[in-house]
Amino acid sequence: MKNNSKERTKLEEEHIKYLWGVLESGIVYQIVKITLKDSRQLKNRVVLDSQFLLLENTETIDADFIKQIKGENR
């Protein structure tokens, strides 16, 4: 059986605390925009339970490489 679950990265504590104050986009998830330390921006990304960033298929992102997370209003 093929596993279709996405990989995820646990966010740093400062980002988790910020997301506690952001309204959920759905049950136990938030849609966010992420700015990385190299200035790249990732839009419409999913964070589960205010602490786990879902990664795309071949993507790897270390939580310490995330500069900023902003909730996106839907």
Protein backbone atom coordinates (compact mmCIF):
# COMPACT_ATOMS: atom_id res chain seq x y z
CA MET A 1 0.00 0.00 0.00
CA LYS A 2 1.34 3.43 -0.98
CA ASN A 3 1.68 6.05 1.76
CA ASN A 4 0.23 9.36 0.50
CA SER A 5 0.87 11.32 3.68
CA LYS A 6 3.02 14.41 3.35
CA GLU A 7 6.21 14.98 5.27
CA ARG A 8 6.17 17.71 7.87
CA THR A 9 8.51 19.90 9.86
CA LYS A 10 7.93 20.97 13.45
CA LEU A 11 8.12 24.75 13.72
CA GLU A 12 10.25 26.74 16.14
CA GLU A 13 8.60 27.76 19.42
CA GLU A 14 8.38 31.47 18.45
CA HIS A 15 6.37 30.59 15.32
CA ILE A 16 4.12 28.19 17.23
CA LYS A 17 3.31 30.90 19.78
CA TYR A 18 2.49 33.35 16.97
CA LEU A 19 0.17 30.84 15.28
CA TRP A 20 -1.75 30.26 18.53
CA GLY A 21 -3.14 33.77 17.97
CA VAL A 22 -4.03 33.27 14.29
CA LEU A 23 -7.51 32.09 13.39
CA GLU A 24 -7.70 28.61 11.92
CA SER A 25 -8.56 28.28 8.23
CA GLY A 26 -10.26 24.97 8.96
CA ILE A 27 -10.41 22.39 11.71
CA VAL A 28 -6.86 22.16 13.18
CA TYR A 29 -5.07 23.83 10.27
CA GLN A 30 -3.98 27.29 9.16
CA ILE A 31 -3.03 28.65 5.74
CA VAL A 32 0.13 30.75 6.02
CA LYS A 33 2.73 32.65 4.04
CA ILE A 34 6.31 31.82 4.98
CA THR A 35 9.38 33.96 4.43
CA LEU A 36 12.65 32.06 4.48
CA LYS A 37 15.98 33.53 5.59
CA ASP A 38 17.11 33.70 1.94
CA SER A 39 14.05 35.95 1.24
CA ARG A 40 12.08 33.32 -0.71
CA GLN A 41 8.37 33.33 0.04
CA LEU A 42 6.11 30.31 0.18
CA LYS A 43 2.42 31.16 -0.12
CA ASN A 44 -0.71 29.17 0.74
CA ARG A 45 1.15 26.68 2.91
CA VAL A 46 -0.62 24.48 5.47
CA VAL A 47 0.32 24.30 9.14
CA LEU A 48 -1.35 21.62 11.25
CA ASP A 49 -2.22 22.15 14.90
CA SER A 50 -0.27 25.48 14.90
CA GLN A 51 3.02 23.57 14.88
CA PHE A 52 3.65 21.31 11.86
CA LEU A 53 4.39 22.72 8.40
CA LEU A 54 3.33 20.33 5.65
CA LEU A 55 6.05 19.95 3.03
CA GLU A 56 5.64 19.49 -0.71
CA ASN A 57 6.67 16.16 -2.27
CA THR A 58 10.46 16.54 -2.55
CA GLU A 59 10.83 19.56 -0.31
CA THR A 60 12.98 19.85 2.80
CA ILE A 61 12.82 22.93 5.00
CA ASP A 62 14.54 23.18 8.34
CA ALA A 63 12.46 25.09 10.87
CA ASP A 64 15.46 27.27 11.79
CA PHE A 65 15.59 28.52 8.15
CA ILE A 66 12.14 30.13 8.51
CA LYS A 67 12.37 33.87 9.12
CA GLN A 68 8.69 34.73 9.41
CA ILE A 69 5.22 33.20 9.26
CA LYS A 70 2.06 35.20 8.58
CA GLY A 71 -1.50 33.93 8.66
CA GLU A 72 -3.33 34.33 5.36
CA ASN A 73 -6.98 35.34 5.51
CA ARG A 74 -9.30 33.21 3.45
